[in-house]
Amino acid sequence: MDTAALELWALIAACALGTYMWRGLGVALSGRIQAGGELFHWAACVAYAMVAGLTARIIVMPTGMLAASLLEDRLIACAFALAAFYATRRNLFAGVCSGAVTLVALSYARTAL
């Protein structure tokens, strides 16, 4: 086997070890953690804060292809996504789809003009 193939197998093994090590630790500790406890509450708050921060960053300071769109188009699409999310009884799929369709439609309308 050549060196490139060995490096690839080593990378796959390291990724698998990293993934399954944390899963195994989660299974081992799951019986000791109270679902209504302070640690769980703190972890949920941190997770929500990270999602909110990343979402705000994507809207305000996007990278890649999204950076080519205008801020006002992204904000309008976000408003439509939130409206659809709450109008459909918190259906995440409807919110994401309506936001994406709105952003594409606004971007297309701007380039067609």
N, C-alpha and C. Protein backbone atom coordinates (compact mmCIF):
# COMPACT_ATOMS: atom_id res chain seq x y z
N MET A 1 0.85 -1.17 0.00
CA MET A 1 0.00 0.00 0.00
C MET A 1 0.90 1.24 0.00
N ASP A 2 0.52 2.24 -0.77
CA ASP A 2 1.36 3.44 -0.83
C ASP A 2 1.05 4.38 0.34
N THR A 3 1.88 5.40 0.44
CA THR A 3 1.78 6.34 1.58
C THR A 3 0.48 7.12 1.57
N ALA A 4 0.00 7.54 0.41
CA ALA A 4 -1.24 8.32 0.33
C ALA A 4 -2.43 7.51 0.84
N ALA A 5 -2.46 6.22 0.48
CA ALA A 5 -3.56 5.37 0.94
C ALA A 5 -3.49 5.16 2.45
N LEU A 6 -2.29 4.99 2.98
CA LEU A 6 -2.15 4.84 4.43
C LEU A 6 -2.57 6.10 5.18
N GLU A 7 -2.21 7.25 4.63
CA GLU A 7 -2.62 8.51 5.26
C GLU A 7 -4.13 8.67 5.23
N LEU A 8 -4.75 8.28 4.14
CA LEU A 8 -6.21 8.36 4.04
C LEU A 8 -6.88 7.44 5.06
N TRP A 9 -6.38 6.21 5.19
CA TRP A 9 -6.94 5.29 6.17
C TRP A 9 -6.71 5.79 7.60
N ALA A 10 -5.57 6.40 7.85
CA ALA A 10 -5.29 6.96 9.18
C ALA A 10 -6.25 8.11 9.48
N LEU A 11 -6.52 8.94 8.48
CA LEU A 11 -7.46 10.05 8.66
C LEU A 11 -8.87 9.53 8.94
N ILE A 12 -9.29 8.53 8.21
CA ILE A 12 -10.62 7.94 8.43
C ILE A 12 -10.70 7.34 9.83
N ALA A 13 -9.65 6.64 10.25
CA ALA A 13 -9.64 6.04 11.60
C ALA A 13 -9.67 7.12 12.68
N ALA A 14 -8.93 8.21 12.49
CA ALA A 14 -8.92 9.29 13.48
C ALA A 14 -10.28 9.96 13.57
N CYS A 15 -10.92 10.16 12.43
CA CYS A 15 -12.27 10.76 12.44
C CYS A 15 -13.27 9.85 13.12
N ALA A 16 -13.20 8.57 12.82
CA ALA A 16 -14.11 7.62 13.45
C ALA A 16 -13.88 7.56 14.95
N LEU A 17 -12.62 7.55 15.36
CA LEU A 17 -12.30 7.52 16.79
C LEU A 17 -12.84 8.76 17.49
N GLY A 18 -12.62 9.92 16.88
CA GLY A 18 -13.12 11.17 17.48
C GLY A 18 -14.64 11.19 17.59
N THR A 19 -15.31 10.70 16.57
CA THR A 19 -16.78 10.69 16.58
C THR A 19 -17.31 9.69 17.61
N TYR A 20 -16.83 8.46 17.53
CA TYR A 20 -17.40 7.42 18.39
C TYR A 20 -16.93 7.52 19.83
N MET A 21 -15.80 8.17 20.07
CA MET A 21 -15.34 8.37 21.45
C MET A 21 -16.34 9.26 22.19
N TRP A 22 -16.78 10.36 21.54
CA TRP A 22 -17.73 11.26 22.19
C TRP A 22 -19.10 10.62 22.33
N ARG A 23 -19.49 9.83 21.34
CA ARG A 23 -20.76 9.12 21.45
C ARG A 23 -20.73 8.11 22.59
N GLY A 24 -19.64 7.39 22.69
CA GLY A 24 -19.51 6.42 23.78
C GLY A 24 -19.51 7.10 25.14
N LEU A 25 -18.82 8.23 25.25
CA LEU A 25 -18.82 8.98 26.50
C LEU A 25 -20.23 9.47 26.83
N GLY A 26 -20.97 9.89 25.81
CA GLY A 26 -22.35 10.31 26.03
C GLY A 26 -23.23 9.19 26.53
N VAL A 27 -23.06 8.01 25.97
CA VAL A 27 -23.83 6.84 26.42
C VAL A 27 -23.45 6.48 27.84
N ALA A 28 -22.15 6.53 28.16
CA ALA A 28 -21.70 6.18 29.50
C ALA A 28 -22.21 7.15 30.55
N LEU A 29 -22.30 8.42 30.20
CA LEU A 29 -22.73 9.42 31.17
C LEU A 29 -24.23 9.68 31.15
N SER A 30 -24.95 9.16 30.18
CA SER A 30 -26.37 9.49 30.04
C SER A 30 -27.20 9.05 31.25
N GLY A 31 -26.83 7.99 31.90
CA GLY A 31 -27.59 7.54 33.06
C GLY A 31 -27.34 8.38 34.29
N ARG A 32 -26.26 9.15 34.30
CA ARG A 32 -25.91 9.94 35.48
C ARG A 32 -26.36 11.40 35.40
N ILE A 33 -26.80 11.83 34.23
CA ILE A 33 -27.20 13.23 34.04
C ILE A 33 -28.71 13.33 34.14
N GLN A 34 -29.17 14.27 34.94
CA GLN A 34 -30.60 14.50 35.09
C GLN A 34 -31.07 15.42 33.96
N ALA A 35 -32.13 15.00 33.24
CA ALA A 35 -32.62 15.77 32.11
C ALA A 35 -33.15 17.14 32.54
N GLY A 36 -33.63 17.26 33.75
CA GLY A 36 -34.14 18.53 34.23
C GLY A 36 -33.14 19.30 35.08
N GLY A 37 -31.91 18.84 35.11
CA GLY A 37 -30.90 19.45 35.97
C GLY A 37 -30.30 20.72 35.39
N GLU A 38 -29.49 21.35 36.21
CA GLU A 38 -28.85 22.61 35.83
C GLU A 38 -27.86 22.44 34.68
N LEU A 39 -27.14 21.33 34.65
CA LEU A 39 -26.18 21.09 33.58
C LEU A 39 -26.87 20.99 32.22
N PHE A 40 -27.98 20.28 32.18
CA PHE A 40 -28.74 20.15 30.94
C PHE A 40 -29.31 21.50 30.52
N HIS A 41 -29.81 22.25 31.47
CA HIS A 41 -30.37 23.57 31.18
C HIS A 41 -29.28 24.49 30.63
N TRP A 42 -28.12 24.47 31.23
CA TRP A 42 -27.00 25.29 30.76
C TRP A 42 -26.59 24.89 29.35
N ALA A 43 -26.48 23.58 29.08
CA ALA A 43 -26.09 23.11 27.75
C ALA A 43 -27.10 23.52 26.70
N ALA A 44 -28.38 23.48 27.03
CA ALA A 44 -29.42 23.91 26.08
C ALA A 44 -29.31 25.40 25.80
N CYS A 45 -29.06 26.19 26.83
CA CYS A 45 -28.89 27.64 26.64
C CYS A 45 -27.68 27.95 25.77
N VAL A 46 -26.60 27.26 25.98
CA VAL A 46 -25.39 27.48 25.17
C VAL A 46 -25.66 27.09 23.72
N ALA A 47 -26.36 25.98 23.51
CA ALA A 47 -26.66 25.54 22.15
C ALA A 47 -27.54 26.56 21.43
N TYR A 48 -28.58 27.07 22.10
CA TYR A 48 -29.44 28.08 21.48
C TYR A 48 -28.67 29.36 21.20
N ALA A 49 -27.79 29.75 22.09
CA ALA A 49 -27.00 30.96 21.88
C ALA A 49 -26.07 30.80 20.68
N MET A 50 -25.47 29.63 20.52
CA MET A 50 -24.59 29.40 19.38
C MET A 50 -25.36 29.43 18.07
N VAL A 51 -26.52 28.81 18.03
CA VAL A 51 -27.34 28.82 16.82
C VAL A 51 -27.78 30.24 16.48
N ALA A 52 -28.19 31.00 17.48
CA ALA A 52 -28.61 32.38 17.24
C ALA A 52 -27.44 33.23 16.74
N GLY A 53 -26.28 33.07 17.35
CA GLY A 53 -25.11 33.83 16.92
C GLY A 53 -24.67 33.49 15.51
N LEU A 54 -24.66 32.21 15.18
CA LEU A 54 -24.28 31.81 13.82
C LEU A 54 -25.29 32.26 12.79
N THR A 55 -26.57 32.21 13.13
CA THR A 55 -27.61 32.68 12.22
C THR A 55 -27.47 34.17 11.97
N ALA A 56 -27.24 34.93 13.03
CA ALA A 56 -27.05 36.38 12.87
C ALA A 56 -25.81 36.68 12.03
N ARG A 57 -24.76 35.94 12.24
CA ARG A 57 -23.54 36.15 11.46
C ARG A 57 -23.76 35.83 9.99
N ILE A 58 -24.48 34.77 9.70
CA ILE A 58 -24.77 34.41 8.31
C ILE A 58 -25.61 35.49 7.64
N ILE A 59 -26.53 36.07 8.37
CA ILE A 59 -27.39 37.11 7.78
C ILE A 59 -26.62 38.41 7.60
N VAL A 60 -25.85 38.83 8.60
CA VAL A 60 -25.19 40.14 8.57
C VAL A 60 -23.85 40.10 7.84
N MET A 61 -23.06 39.05 8.05
CA MET A 61 -21.72 38.96 7.43
C MET A 61 -21.54 37.61 6.73
N PRO A 62 -22.25 37.39 5.63
CA PRO A 62 -22.16 36.08 4.97
C PRO A 62 -20.85 35.92 4.20
N THR A 63 -20.54 34.68 3.89
CA THR A 63 -19.38 34.37 3.06
C THR A 63 -19.86 33.56 1.86
N GLY A 64 -18.99 33.40 0.90
CA GLY A 64 -19.32 32.59 -0.27
C GLY A 64 -20.34 33.27 -1.16
N MET A 65 -21.21 32.46 -1.75
CA MET A 65 -22.19 32.97 -2.70
C MET A 65 -23.23 33.87 -2.04
N LEU A 66 -23.51 33.63 -0.78
CA LEU A 66 -24.51 34.43 -0.08
C LEU A 66 -24.04 35.87 0.09
N ALA A 67 -22.73 36.09 0.08
CA ALA A 67 -22.19 37.44 0.22
C ALA A 67 -22.53 38.32 -0.99
N ALA A 68 -22.88 37.69 -2.11
CA ALA A 68 -23.25 38.46 -3.30
C ALA A 68 -24.65 39.06 -3.19
N SER A 69 -25.45 38.56 -2.28
CA SER A 69 -26.81 39.10 -2.11
C SER A 69 -26.76 40.34 -1.22
N LEU A 70 -27.80 41.15 -1.36
CA LEU A 70 -27.87 42.38 -0.56
C LEU A 70 -28.38 42.08 0.85
N LEU A 71 -27.93 42.90 1.80
CA LEU A 71 -28.36 42.73 3.19
C LEU A 71 -29.88 42.85 3.30
N GLU A 72 -30.47 43.80 2.60
CA GLU A 72 -31.92 43.97 2.70
C GLU A 72 -32.66 42.74 2.16
N ASP A 73 -32.13 42.09 1.13
CA ASP A 73 -32.75 40.86 0.63
C ASP A 73 -32.67 39.75 1.67
N ARG A 74 -31.54 39.64 2.34
CA ARG A 74 -31.39 38.61 3.38
C ARG A 74 -32.33 38.89 4.55
N LEU A 75 -32.48 40.16 4.92
CA LEU A 75 -33.38 40.51 6.03
C LEU A 75 -34.84 40.26 5.67
N ILE A 76 -35.22 40.59 4.44
CA ILE A 76 -36.59 40.33 3.99
C ILE A 76 -36.86 38.83 3.96
N ALA A 77 -35.90 38.05 3.46
CA ALA A 77 -36.06 36.60 3.43
C ALA A 77 -36.17 36.04 4.84
N CYS A 78 -35.40 36.59 5.76
CA CYS A 78 -35.47 36.16 7.16
C CYS A 78 -36.85 36.46 7.75
N ALA A 79 -37.39 37.62 7.44
CA ALA A 79 -38.72 37.99 7.93
C ALA A 79 -39.79 37.05 7.37
N PHE A 80 -39.69 36.73 6.08
CA PHE A 80 -40.63 35.79 5.49
C PHE A 80 -40.50 34.41 6.11
N ALA A 81 -39.28 33.99 6.37
CA ALA A 81 -39.05 32.68 6.98
C ALA A 81 -39.67 32.62 8.38
N LEU A 82 -39.46 33.67 9.17
CA LEU A 82 -40.05 33.70 10.51
C LEU A 82 -41.57 33.72 10.45
N ALA A 83 -42.13 34.50 9.52
CA ALA A 83 -43.59 34.56 9.38
C ALA A 83 -44.15 33.20 8.99
N ALA A 84 -43.52 32.53 8.05
CA ALA A 84 -43.99 31.21 7.63
C ALA A 84 -43.82 30.19 8.76
N PHE A 85 -42.73 30.29 9.50
CA PHE A 85 -42.49 29.38 10.62
C PHE A 85 -43.61 29.47 11.65
N TYR A 86 -43.99 30.70 12.02
CA TYR A 86 -45.04 30.85 13.02
C TYR A 86 -46.43 30.65 12.44
N ALA A 87 -46.61 30.95 11.16
CA ALA A 87 -47.93 30.76 10.53
C ALA A 87 -48.26 29.28 10.37
N THR A 88 -47.25 28.44 10.28
CA THR A 88 -47.47 27.00 10.10
C THR A 88 -47.25 26.22 11.40
N ARG A 89 -47.50 26.86 12.51
CA ARG A 89 -47.37 26.23 13.83
C ARG A 89 -45.97 25.69 14.08
N ARG A 90 -44.99 26.54 13.85
CA ARG A 90 -43.57 26.24 14.10
C ARG A 90 -43.05 25.08 13.26
N ASN A 91 -43.41 25.07 11.99
CA ASN A 91 -42.91 24.08 11.05
C ASN A 91 -41.59 24.59 10.47
N LEU A 92 -40.49 23.99 10.89
CA LEU A 92 -39.17 24.44 10.48
C LEU A 92 -38.96 24.31 8.98
N PHE A 93 -39.45 23.23 8.39
CA PHE A 93 -39.31 23.01 6.95
C PHE A 93 -39.98 24.13 6.16
N ALA A 94 -41.19 24.53 6.56
CA ALA A 94 -41.90 25.61 5.87
C ALA A 94 -41.14 26.93 6.01
N GLY A 95 -40.59 27.20 7.18
CA GLY A 95 -39.84 28.43 7.38
C GLY A 95 -38.59 28.49 6.54
N VAL A 96 -37.83 27.41 6.53
CA VAL A 96 -36.58 27.37 5.76
C VAL A 96 -36.88 27.48 4.27
N CYS A 97 -37.86 26.74 3.80
CA CYS A 97 -38.19 26.78 2.37
C CYS A 97 -38.69 28.16 1.94
N SER A 98 -39.54 28.77 2.74
CA SER A 98 -40.04 30.10 2.36
C SER A 98 -38.93 31.14 2.38
N GLY A 99 -38.03 31.05 3.32
CA GLY A 99 -36.90 31.98 3.34
C GLY A 99 -35.99 31.80 2.15
N ALA A 100 -35.71 30.55 1.79
CA ALA A 100 -34.84 30.28 0.64
C ALA A 100 -35.51 30.74 -0.66
N VAL A 101 -36.79 30.43 -0.82
CA VAL A 101 -37.50 30.84 -2.03
C VAL A 101 -37.56 32.36 -2.12
N THR A 102 -37.80 33.02 -1.02
CA THR A 102 -37.85 34.49 -1.01
C THR A 102 -36.51 35.08 -1.39
N LEU A 103 -35.42 34.56 -0.84
CA LEU A 103 -34.10 35.09 -1.16
C LEU A 103 -33.76 34.87 -2.63
N VAL A 104 -34.08 33.70 -3.15
CA VAL A 104 -33.80 33.42 -4.57
C VAL A 104 -34.65 34.34 -5.45
N ALA A 105 -35.93 34.51 -5.10
CA ALA A 105 -36.81 35.36 -5.90
C ALA A 105 -36.34 36.82 -5.88
N LEU A 106 -35.95 37.32 -4.73
CA LEU A 106 -35.46 38.69 -4.64
C LEU A 106 -34.17 38.87 -5.42
N SER A 107 -33.28 37.93 -5.31
CA SER A 107 -32.01 38.01 -6.04
C SER A 107 -32.25 37.95 -7.54
N TYR A 108 -33.15 37.06 -7.96
CA TYR A 108 -33.47 36.95 -9.38
C TYR A 108 -34.11 38.24 -9.88
N ALA A 109 -35.03 38.80 -9.10
CA ALA A 109 -35.71 40.04 -9.50
C ALA A 109 -34.71 41.19 -9.65
N ARG A 110 -33.71 41.24 -8.78
CA ARG A 110 -32.71 42.31 -8.88
C ARG A 110 -31.82 42.16 -10.11
N THR A 111 -31.48 40.92 -10.46
CA THR A 111 -30.62 40.72 -11.62
C THR A 111 -31.41 40.88 -12.92
N ALA A 112 -32.72 40.62 -12.88
CA ALA A 112 -33.55 40.76 -14.09
C ALA A 112 -33.83 42.22 -14.41
N LEU A 113 -33.72 43.08 -13.43
CA LEU A 113 -34.01 44.51 -13.66
C LEU A 113 -32.90 45.22 -14.32
